[in-house]
Amino acid sequence: MAKPRYTFYWDLIGDVDARENLGPLVRVEVYRLMQLCFREVLEKHYGTEQADDLFRDGGRLAGEHFYKRFLADPGSPDLSSFVTKMQTKLRDLGIGIVRVEKANLEQGTLVLTVDEDLDCSGLPDLDHEFCAYDEGFFEGVLSSYMQRKFRVREVDCWCTGARTCRFMAEIV
């Protein structure tokens, strides 16, 4: 297998201030246009299950980089401090409003909710959960923080009528 052309590193994002007239922000529908078109192409080439796996893998990688860039704390903060920092950063960046509904680190489980989720809030009702990228993203963030591998799956979604996204996270 050939070496990837685009191995992620933060400098690859470039100077977002170079957009002196438009600035660093883009509308949600433009983000979703890119995401949904990538999903359609991946599903055509690989099928729905593989497309979900690829979105999860991309989300996991993004979550790991996000953790290192915005959340890592050499002092290993307690869960409450970590969650507060994560909530603030995700809200400030317009990704979503995160809450931890339940946390039992002894059993290795967490239940997270995301309101106003960038990926799906406002989408039409579908017959399935939508947020495979978010599953991977939270796997990457939580695994990086806990230094243990997590599996995250969406159990409620805006697209299935829940009007919030709920994720079950478990140490594997």
N, C-alpha and C. Protein backbone atom coordinates (compact mmCIF):
# COMPACT_ATOMS: atom_id res chain seq x y z
N MET A 1 0.85 -1.18 0.00
CA MET A 1 0.00 0.00 0.00
C MET A 1 0.89 1.25 0.00
N ALA A 2 0.56 2.19 -0.84
CA ALA A 2 1.33 3.43 -0.96
C ALA A 2 1.14 4.31 0.27
N LYS A 3 2.14 5.11 0.55
CA LYS A 3 2.06 6.06 1.66
C LYS A 3 0.93 7.07 1.38
N PRO A 4 0.09 7.35 2.37
CA PRO A 4 -0.99 8.32 2.16
C PRO A 4 -0.43 9.69 1.77
N ARG A 5 -1.11 10.35 0.88
CA ARG A 5 -0.70 11.68 0.46
C ARG A 5 -1.03 12.73 1.52
N TYR A 6 -2.11 12.52 2.26
CA TYR A 6 -2.58 13.52 3.21
C TYR A 6 -2.64 12.96 4.62
N THR A 7 -1.50 12.71 5.22
CA THR A 7 -1.48 12.34 6.63
C THR A 7 -1.77 13.61 7.42
N PHE A 8 -2.75 13.55 8.31
CA PHE A 8 -3.19 14.77 9.00
C PHE A 8 -2.13 15.31 9.95
N TYR A 9 -1.99 16.61 9.94
CA TYR A 9 -1.28 17.38 10.97
C TYR A 9 -1.90 18.77 10.92
N TRP A 10 -1.88 19.47 12.05
CA TRP A 10 -2.64 20.72 12.18
C TRP A 10 -2.22 21.78 11.18
N ASP A 11 -0.95 21.86 10.81
CA ASP A 11 -0.52 22.87 9.85
C ASP A 11 -1.18 22.68 8.49
N LEU A 12 -1.63 21.46 8.19
CA LEU A 12 -2.30 21.19 6.92
C LEU A 12 -3.60 21.98 6.81
N ILE A 13 -4.21 22.32 7.93
CA ILE A 13 -5.44 23.13 7.91
C ILE A 13 -5.15 24.50 7.32
N GLY A 14 -3.93 24.96 7.48
CA GLY A 14 -3.52 26.22 6.88
C GLY A 14 -3.90 27.43 7.73
N ASP A 15 -3.74 28.58 7.14
CA ASP A 15 -4.03 29.85 7.80
C ASP A 15 -5.46 30.24 7.48
N VAL A 16 -6.37 29.93 8.38
CA VAL A 16 -7.78 30.22 8.13
C VAL A 16 -8.04 31.72 8.11
N ASP A 17 -7.14 32.51 8.67
CA ASP A 17 -7.28 33.97 8.62
C ASP A 17 -6.93 34.52 7.25
N ALA A 18 -6.41 33.68 6.35
CA ALA A 18 -6.11 34.12 4.99
C ALA A 18 -7.39 34.46 4.24
N ARG A 19 -8.51 33.99 4.74
CA ARG A 19 -9.81 34.35 4.15
C ARG A 19 -10.23 35.69 4.75
N GLU A 20 -9.54 36.76 4.33
CA GLU A 20 -9.74 38.05 4.98
C GLU A 20 -11.12 38.64 4.77
N ASN A 21 -11.81 38.26 3.73
CA ASN A 21 -13.16 38.77 3.50
C ASN A 21 -14.25 37.84 4.02
N LEU A 22 -14.01 36.53 3.97
CA LEU A 22 -15.03 35.57 4.39
C LEU A 22 -14.82 35.05 5.80
N GLY A 23 -13.61 35.13 6.31
CA GLY A 23 -13.34 34.68 7.67
C GLY A 23 -13.28 33.17 7.79
N PRO A 24 -13.15 32.66 9.03
CA PRO A 24 -12.94 31.23 9.25
C PRO A 24 -14.22 30.40 9.30
N LEU A 25 -15.37 31.02 9.22
CA LEU A 25 -16.63 30.29 9.42
C LEU A 25 -17.30 29.96 8.09
N VAL A 26 -18.05 28.87 8.10
CA VAL A 26 -18.83 28.45 6.94
C VAL A 26 -20.20 27.99 7.45
N ARG A 27 -21.20 28.10 6.64
CA ARG A 27 -22.55 27.71 7.05
C ARG A 27 -22.68 26.19 7.17
N VAL A 28 -23.56 25.76 8.05
CA VAL A 28 -23.77 24.34 8.33
C VAL A 28 -24.14 23.58 7.06
N GLU A 29 -24.97 24.16 6.20
CA GLU A 29 -25.40 23.42 5.02
C GLU A 29 -24.23 23.13 4.07
N VAL A 30 -23.20 23.95 4.07
CA VAL A 30 -22.04 23.70 3.23
C VAL A 30 -21.22 22.54 3.80
N TYR A 31 -21.06 22.52 5.12
CA TYR A 31 -20.40 21.38 5.78
C TYR A 31 -21.16 20.09 5.49
N ARG A 32 -22.48 20.14 5.64
CA ARG A 32 -23.29 18.93 5.41
C ARG A 32 -23.29 18.51 3.95
N LEU A 33 -23.24 19.48 3.03
CA LEU A 33 -23.13 19.15 1.61
C LEU A 33 -21.89 18.29 1.38
N MET A 34 -20.76 18.68 1.93
CA MET A 34 -19.54 17.91 1.78
C MET A 34 -19.69 16.54 2.44
N GLN A 35 -20.17 16.52 3.68
CA GLN A 35 -20.29 15.26 4.41
C GLN A 35 -21.24 14.28 3.72
N LEU A 36 -22.41 14.76 3.32
CA LEU A 36 -23.40 13.87 2.72
C LEU A 36 -22.99 13.39 1.34
N CYS A 37 -22.30 14.22 0.58
CA CYS A 37 -21.81 13.77 -0.73
C CYS A 37 -20.69 12.75 -0.58
N PHE A 38 -19.78 12.95 0.39
CA PHE A 38 -18.77 11.93 0.67
C PHE A 38 -19.44 10.62 1.06
N ARG A 39 -20.45 10.71 1.92
CA ARG A 39 -21.14 9.50 2.36
C ARG A 39 -21.78 8.78 1.18
N GLU A 40 -22.46 9.52 0.30
CA GLU A 40 -23.11 8.89 -0.86
C GLU A 40 -22.08 8.18 -1.74
N VAL A 41 -20.96 8.83 -2.00
CA VAL A 41 -19.93 8.22 -2.85
C VAL A 41 -19.35 6.98 -2.17
N LEU A 42 -19.07 7.07 -0.87
CA LEU A 42 -18.53 5.90 -0.16
C LEU A 42 -19.52 4.74 -0.17
N GLU A 43 -20.81 5.04 0.04
CA GLU A 43 -21.81 3.97 0.03
C GLU A 43 -21.92 3.33 -1.36
N LYS A 44 -21.85 4.13 -2.42
CA LYS A 44 -21.91 3.58 -3.77
C LYS A 44 -20.73 2.63 -4.03
N HIS A 45 -19.57 3.01 -3.54
CA HIS A 45 -18.36 2.21 -3.80
C HIS A 45 -18.21 1.03 -2.85
N TYR A 46 -18.61 1.20 -1.58
CA TYR A 46 -18.28 0.20 -0.56
C TYR A 46 -19.47 -0.35 0.20
N GLY A 47 -20.65 0.23 0.06
CA GLY A 47 -21.81 -0.21 0.83
C GLY A 47 -21.95 0.61 2.11
N THR A 48 -23.14 0.55 2.68
CA THR A 48 -23.46 1.38 3.85
C THR A 48 -22.62 1.02 5.06
N GLU A 49 -22.48 -0.25 5.35
CA GLU A 49 -21.74 -0.66 6.55
C GLU A 49 -20.28 -0.20 6.49
N GLN A 50 -19.65 -0.40 5.34
CA GLN A 50 -18.26 0.03 5.19
C GLN A 50 -18.15 1.56 5.23
N ALA A 51 -19.12 2.26 4.65
CA ALA A 51 -19.12 3.73 4.71
C ALA A 51 -19.21 4.19 6.16
N ASP A 52 -20.08 3.55 6.95
CA ASP A 52 -20.16 3.89 8.38
C ASP A 52 -18.82 3.65 9.07
N ASP A 53 -18.19 2.52 8.77
CA ASP A 53 -16.88 2.22 9.37
C ASP A 53 -15.84 3.26 8.99
N LEU A 54 -15.86 3.71 7.74
CA LEU A 54 -14.91 4.73 7.31
C LEU A 54 -15.19 6.07 7.98
N PHE A 55 -16.46 6.43 8.13
CA PHE A 55 -16.78 7.66 8.85
C PHE A 55 -16.34 7.56 10.31
N ARG A 56 -16.57 6.39 10.93
CA ARG A 56 -16.11 6.19 12.31
C ARG A 56 -14.60 6.32 12.41
N ASP A 57 -13.88 5.70 11.46
CA ASP A 57 -12.42 5.77 11.48
C ASP A 57 -11.94 7.22 11.34
N GLY A 58 -12.56 7.97 10.43
CA GLY A 58 -12.21 9.38 10.28
C GLY A 58 -12.54 10.18 11.53
N GLY A 59 -13.69 9.91 12.13
CA GLY A 59 -14.07 10.58 13.36
C GLY A 59 -13.11 10.26 14.49
N ARG A 60 -12.70 8.99 14.59
CA ARG A 60 -11.77 8.57 15.64
C ARG A 60 -10.44 9.32 15.50
N LEU A 61 -9.93 9.40 14.28
CA LEU A 61 -8.69 10.13 14.04
C LEU A 61 -8.85 11.60 14.40
N ALA A 62 -9.97 12.19 13.99
CA ALA A 62 -10.24 13.59 14.33
C ALA A 62 -10.33 13.78 15.84
N GLY A 63 -11.00 12.85 16.53
CA GLY A 63 -11.12 12.94 17.99
C GLY A 63 -9.77 12.87 18.68
N GLU A 64 -8.89 12.01 18.19
CA GLU A 64 -7.54 11.91 18.78
C GLU A 64 -6.78 13.22 18.60
N HIS A 65 -6.83 13.78 17.39
CA HIS A 65 -6.14 15.05 17.13
C HIS A 65 -6.79 16.19 17.90
N PHE A 66 -8.12 16.19 17.97
CA PHE A 66 -8.85 17.21 18.71
C PHE A 66 -8.43 17.18 20.18
N TYR A 67 -8.37 15.99 20.75
CA TYR A 67 -7.96 15.84 22.15
C TYR A 67 -6.58 16.45 22.36
N LYS A 68 -5.62 16.05 21.53
CA LYS A 68 -4.24 16.54 21.69
C LYS A 68 -4.16 18.05 21.55
N ARG A 69 -4.92 18.61 20.62
CA ARG A 69 -4.85 20.05 20.34
C ARG A 69 -5.59 20.89 21.37
N PHE A 70 -6.77 20.44 21.81
CA PHE A 70 -7.65 21.29 22.60
C PHE A 70 -7.91 20.82 24.03
N LEU A 71 -7.71 19.54 24.32
CA LEU A 71 -8.17 19.02 25.61
C LEU A 71 -7.08 18.42 26.48
N ALA A 72 -5.97 18.02 25.89
CA ALA A 72 -4.92 17.34 26.67
C ALA A 72 -4.42 18.25 27.78
N ASP A 73 -4.25 17.66 28.94
CA ASP A 73 -3.77 18.39 30.11
C ASP A 73 -2.75 17.49 30.80
N PRO A 74 -1.50 17.93 30.86
CA PRO A 74 -0.47 17.08 31.46
C PRO A 74 -0.78 16.67 32.89
N GLY A 75 -1.62 17.42 33.57
CA GLY A 75 -1.97 17.11 34.95
C GLY A 75 -3.05 16.05 35.08
N SER A 76 -3.48 15.44 33.97
CA SER A 76 -4.55 14.44 33.97
C SER A 76 -5.71 14.87 34.86
N PRO A 77 -6.50 15.83 34.39
CA PRO A 77 -7.60 16.32 35.22
C PRO A 77 -8.63 15.23 35.52
N ASP A 78 -9.37 15.43 36.59
CA ASP A 78 -10.43 14.50 36.92
C ASP A 78 -11.50 14.57 35.83
N LEU A 79 -12.37 13.58 35.82
CA LEU A 79 -13.39 13.47 34.77
C LEU A 79 -14.24 14.73 34.68
N SER A 80 -14.65 15.27 35.81
CA SER A 80 -15.50 16.45 35.81
C SER A 80 -14.82 17.63 35.12
N SER A 81 -13.56 17.87 35.43
CA SER A 81 -12.81 18.97 34.79
C SER A 81 -12.63 18.72 33.30
N PHE A 82 -12.33 17.48 32.96
CA PHE A 82 -12.17 17.12 31.55
C PHE A 82 -13.47 17.36 30.79
N VAL A 83 -14.59 16.89 31.33
CA VAL A 83 -15.88 17.04 30.66
C VAL A 83 -16.22 18.51 30.49
N THR A 84 -15.98 19.32 31.51
CA THR A 84 -16.25 20.75 31.41
C THR A 84 -15.43 21.39 30.29
N LYS A 85 -14.17 21.03 30.21
CA LYS A 85 -13.30 21.56 29.15
C LYS A 85 -13.80 21.11 27.77
N MET A 86 -14.18 19.84 27.64
CA MET A 86 -14.68 19.33 26.38
C MET A 86 -15.99 20.02 25.99
N GLN A 87 -16.90 20.16 26.94
CA GLN A 87 -18.18 20.82 26.67
C GLN A 87 -17.96 22.24 26.16
N THR A 88 -17.09 22.97 26.82
CA THR A 88 -16.82 24.36 26.45
C THR A 88 -16.25 24.45 25.05
N LYS A 89 -15.28 23.62 24.74
CA LYS A 89 -14.62 23.68 23.43
C LYS A 89 -15.59 23.27 22.31
N LEU A 90 -16.38 22.21 22.52
CA LEU A 90 -17.32 21.78 21.48
C LEU A 90 -18.41 22.83 21.25
N ARG A 91 -18.83 23.47 22.31
CA ARG A 91 -19.83 24.53 22.17
C ARG A 91 -19.23 25.75 21.48
N ASP A 92 -18.04 26.18 21.93
CA ASP A 92 -17.40 27.35 21.35
C ASP A 92 -17.13 27.19 19.86
N LEU A 93 -16.84 25.97 19.44
CA LEU A 93 -16.56 25.72 18.02
C LEU A 93 -17.83 25.43 17.22
N GLY A 94 -18.99 25.42 17.87
CA GLY A 94 -20.25 25.21 17.17
C GLY A 94 -20.51 23.78 16.77
N ILE A 95 -19.86 22.83 17.44
CA ILE A 95 -20.02 21.42 17.11
C ILE A 95 -21.27 20.83 17.75
N GLY A 96 -21.56 21.25 18.98
CA GLY A 96 -22.73 20.75 19.67
C GLY A 96 -22.66 21.06 21.16
N ILE A 97 -23.77 20.81 21.82
CA ILE A 97 -23.88 21.02 23.26
C ILE A 97 -23.88 19.63 23.91
N VAL A 98 -22.79 19.31 24.59
CA VAL A 98 -22.58 17.96 25.13
C VAL A 98 -22.90 17.93 26.62
N ARG A 99 -23.54 16.85 27.02
CA ARG A 99 -23.76 16.56 28.44
C ARG A 99 -23.40 15.11 28.71
N VAL A 100 -22.95 14.85 29.90
CA VAL A 100 -22.74 13.48 30.33
C VAL A 100 -23.93 13.12 31.21
N GLU A 101 -24.75 12.19 30.75
CA GLU A 101 -25.93 11.77 31.51
C GLU A 101 -25.56 10.80 32.61
N LYS A 102 -24.64 9.89 32.30
CA LYS A 102 -24.22 8.88 33.27
C LYS A 102 -22.74 8.61 33.06
N ALA A 103 -22.06 8.37 34.16
CA ALA A 103 -20.65 7.98 34.07
C ALA A 103 -20.36 6.99 35.18
N ASN A 104 -19.85 5.84 34.81
CA ASN A 104 -19.43 4.85 35.77
C ASN A 104 -18.08 4.31 35.28
N LEU A 105 -17.02 5.00 35.70
CA LEU A 105 -15.69 4.64 35.21
C LEU A 105 -15.23 3.29 35.75
N GLU A 106 -15.76 2.88 36.89
CA GLU A 106 -15.41 1.55 37.41
C GLU A 106 -15.91 0.46 36.47
N GLN A 107 -17.09 0.67 35.90
CA GLN A 107 -17.63 -0.27 34.92
C GLN A 107 -17.19 0.08 33.51
N GLY A 108 -16.59 1.26 33.35
CA GLY A 108 -16.10 1.68 32.05
C GLY A 108 -17.18 2.12 31.09
N THR A 109 -18.23 2.80 31.61
CA THR A 109 -19.31 3.24 30.74
C THR A 109 -19.61 4.72 30.94
N LEU A 110 -20.03 5.35 29.87
CA LEU A 110 -20.52 6.73 29.90
C LEU A 110 -21.69 6.83 28.93
N VAL A 111 -22.62 7.71 29.23
CA VAL A 111 -23.69 8.05 28.30
C VAL A 111 -23.59 9.54 28.06
N LEU A 112 -23.37 9.91 26.80
CA LEU A 112 -23.23 11.31 26.41
C LEU A 112 -24.42 11.71 25.55
N THR A 113 -24.85 12.96 25.65
CA THR A 113 -25.83 13.48 24.72
C THR A 113 -25.23 14.70 24.03
N VAL A 114 -25.70 14.92 22.80
CA VAL A 114 -25.28 16.09 22.03
C VAL A 114 -26.54 16.75 21.49
N ASP A 115 -26.80 17.97 21.94
CA ASP A 115 -27.88 18.77 21.39
C ASP A 115 -27.28 19.70 20.34
N GLU A 116 -28.13 20.09 19.38
CA GLU A 116 -27.70 20.97 18.29
C GLU A 116 -26.46 20.43 17.58
N ASP A 117 -26.44 19.12 17.37
CA ASP A 117 -25.32 18.42 16.76
C ASP A 117 -25.08 18.95 15.34
N LEU A 118 -23.84 19.32 15.06
CA LEU A 118 -23.46 19.82 13.75
C LEU A 118 -23.84 18.85 12.64
N ASP A 119 -23.71 17.56 12.90
CA ASP A 119 -23.95 16.57 11.85
C ASP A 119 -25.41 16.32 11.54
N CYS A 120 -26.31 16.44 12.52
CA CYS A 120 -27.66 15.97 12.19
C CYS A 120 -28.83 16.80 12.71
N SER A 121 -28.64 17.71 13.63
CA SER A 121 -29.79 18.46 14.14
C SER A 121 -30.46 19.22 13.00
N GLY A 122 -31.75 18.98 12.84
CA GLY A 122 -32.51 19.62 11.78
C GLY A 122 -32.68 18.77 10.54
N LEU A 123 -31.98 17.63 10.46
CA LEU A 123 -32.17 16.74 9.31
C LEU A 123 -33.56 16.12 9.36
N PRO A 124 -34.04 15.62 8.24
CA PRO A 124 -35.34 14.95 8.25
C PRO A 124 -35.28 13.64 9.03
N ASP A 125 -36.45 13.18 9.45
CA ASP A 125 -36.51 11.88 10.12
C ASP A 125 -36.13 10.79 9.13
N LEU A 126 -35.32 9.86 9.61
CA LEU A 126 -34.87 8.72 8.83
C LEU A 126 -35.22 7.47 9.61
N ASP A 127 -34.94 6.32 9.07
CA ASP A 127 -35.23 5.08 9.79
C ASP A 127 -33.99 4.52 10.47
N HIS A 128 -32.99 5.36 10.69
CA HIS A 128 -31.74 4.89 11.28
C HIS A 128 -30.97 6.06 11.92
N GLU A 129 -30.06 5.70 12.84
CA GLU A 129 -29.18 6.69 13.41
C GLU A 129 -28.23 7.17 12.32
N PHE A 130 -27.70 8.37 12.49
CA PHE A 130 -26.94 9.02 11.43
C PHE A 130 -25.47 9.28 11.78
N CYS A 131 -25.13 9.33 13.04
CA CYS A 131 -23.90 9.98 13.48
C CYS A 131 -22.70 9.06 13.66
N ALA A 132 -22.34 8.29 12.63
CA ALA A 132 -21.18 7.40 12.70
C ALA A 132 -19.89 8.19 12.91
N TYR A 133 -19.76 9.36 12.27
CA TYR A 133 -18.57 10.19 12.47
C TYR A 133 -18.45 10.59 13.94
N ASP A 134 -19.56 11.00 14.54
CA ASP A 134 -19.55 11.39 15.96
C ASP A 134 -19.16 10.21 16.86
N GLU A 135 -19.65 9.01 16.51
CA GLU A 135 -19.25 7.83 17.29
C GLU A 135 -17.73 7.72 17.32
N GLY A 136 -17.12 7.80 16.16
CA GLY A 136 -15.67 7.72 16.09
C GLY A 136 -14.98 8.87 16.80
N PHE A 137 -15.53 10.07 16.64
CA PHE A 137 -14.95 11.25 17.28
C PHE A 137 -14.88 11.07 18.80
N PHE A 138 -15.99 10.64 19.39
CA PHE A 138 -16.00 10.44 20.84
C PHE A 138 -15.12 9.25 21.24
N GLU A 139 -15.03 8.22 20.39
CA GLU A 139 -14.08 7.14 20.67
C GLU A 139 -12.66 7.70 20.76
N GLY A 140 -12.29 8.54 19.81
CA GLY A 140 -10.95 9.12 19.81
C GLY A 140 -10.69 10.01 21.00
N VAL A 141 -11.64 10.86 21.35
CA VAL A 141 -11.47 11.77 22.49
C VAL A 141 -11.39 10.98 23.79
N LEU A 142 -12.36 10.08 24.01
CA LEU A 142 -12.39 9.33 25.28
C LEU A 142 -11.21 8.38 25.41
N SER A 143 -10.85 7.70 24.33
CA SER A 143 -9.71 6.79 24.38
C SER A 143 -8.43 7.55 24.69
N SER A 144 -8.28 8.73 24.11
CA SER A 144 -7.09 9.54 24.37
C SER A 144 -7.06 10.00 25.83
N TYR A 145 -8.19 10.43 26.34
CA TYR A 145 -8.25 10.91 27.72
C TYR A 145 -8.02 9.77 28.71
N MET A 146 -8.72 8.65 28.51
CA MET A 146 -8.68 7.55 29.47
C MET A 146 -7.49 6.62 29.27
N GLN A 147 -6.81 6.74 28.11
CA GLN A 147 -5.72 5.83 27.77
C GLN A 147 -6.18 4.38 27.75
N ARG A 148 -7.43 4.19 27.35
CA ARG A 148 -8.04 2.87 27.17
C ARG A 148 -8.95 2.98 25.96
N LYS A 149 -9.06 1.90 25.22
CA LYS A 149 -9.87 1.92 24.01
C LYS A 149 -11.36 1.91 24.36
N PHE A 150 -12.09 2.82 23.72
CA PHE A 150 -13.53 2.91 23.88
C PHE A 150 -14.23 2.51 22.59
N ARG A 151 -15.43 1.98 22.74
CA ARG A 151 -16.35 1.78 21.63
C ARG A 151 -17.57 2.65 21.93
N VAL A 152 -17.94 3.49 20.98
CA VAL A 152 -19.07 4.41 21.16
C VAL A 152 -20.10 4.12 20.08
N ARG A 153 -21.35 3.99 20.49
CA ARG A 153 -22.43 3.80 19.52
C ARG A 153 -23.59 4.72 19.88
N GLU A 154 -24.20 5.25 18.83
CA GLU A 154 -25.36 6.12 19.00
C GLU A 154 -26.58 5.26 19.28
N VAL A 155 -27.33 5.62 20.31
CA VAL A 155 -28.53 4.87 20.67
C VAL A 155 -29.81 5.67 20.46
N ASP A 156 -29.69 6.99 20.37
CA ASP A 156 -30.80 7.87 20.02
C ASP A 156 -30.23 8.94 19.08
N CYS A 157 -31.07 9.39 18.15
CA CYS A 157 -30.59 10.35 17.16
C CYS A 157 -31.72 11.31 16.79
N TRP A 158 -31.34 12.52 16.43
CA TRP A 158 -32.31 13.47 15.90
C TRP A 158 -33.08 12.83 14.75
N CYS A 159 -32.36 12.10 13.92
CA CYS A 159 -32.94 11.53 12.71
C CYS A 159 -33.93 10.39 12.97
N THR A 160 -33.97 9.89 14.20
CA THR A 160 -34.95 8.85 14.53
C THR A 160 -36.04 9.41 15.45
N GLY A 161 -36.08 10.74 15.55
CA GLY A 161 -37.13 11.39 16.31
C GLY A 161 -36.77 11.78 17.73
N ALA A 162 -35.57 11.47 18.19
CA ALA A 162 -35.20 11.75 19.58
C ALA A 162 -34.94 13.23 19.83
N ARG A 163 -34.56 13.96 18.82
CA ARG A 163 -34.26 15.38 18.89
C ARG A 163 -33.06 15.71 19.78
N THR A 164 -32.32 14.69 20.15
CA THR A 164 -30.99 14.82 20.73
C THR A 164 -30.25 13.54 20.32
N CYS A 165 -28.95 13.64 20.27
CA CYS A 165 -28.16 12.45 19.96
C CYS A 165 -27.60 11.91 21.27
N ARG A 166 -27.77 10.62 21.49
CA ARG A 166 -27.31 9.98 22.72
C ARG A 166 -26.35 8.87 22.33
N PHE A 167 -25.22 8.83 23.04
CA PHE A 167 -24.17 7.88 22.72
C PHE A 167 -23.82 7.08 23.96
N MET A 168 -23.71 5.78 23.78
CA MET A 168 -23.24 4.88 24.84
C MET A 168 -21.78 4.59 24.57
N ALA A 169 -20.93 4.91 25.55
CA ALA A 169 -19.49 4.68 25.43
C ALA A 169 -19.08 3.59 26.42
N GLU A 170 -18.32 2.60 25.91
CA GLU A 170 -17.88 1.49 26.77
C GLU A 170 -16.41 1.20 26.51
N ILE A 171 -15.68 0.94 27.57
CA ILE A 171 -14.30 0.50 27.42
C ILE A 171 -14.31 -0.90 26.85
N VAL A 172 -13.47 -1.15 25.85
CA VAL A 172 -13.39 -2.49 25.25
C VAL A 172 -12.04 -3.13 25.55
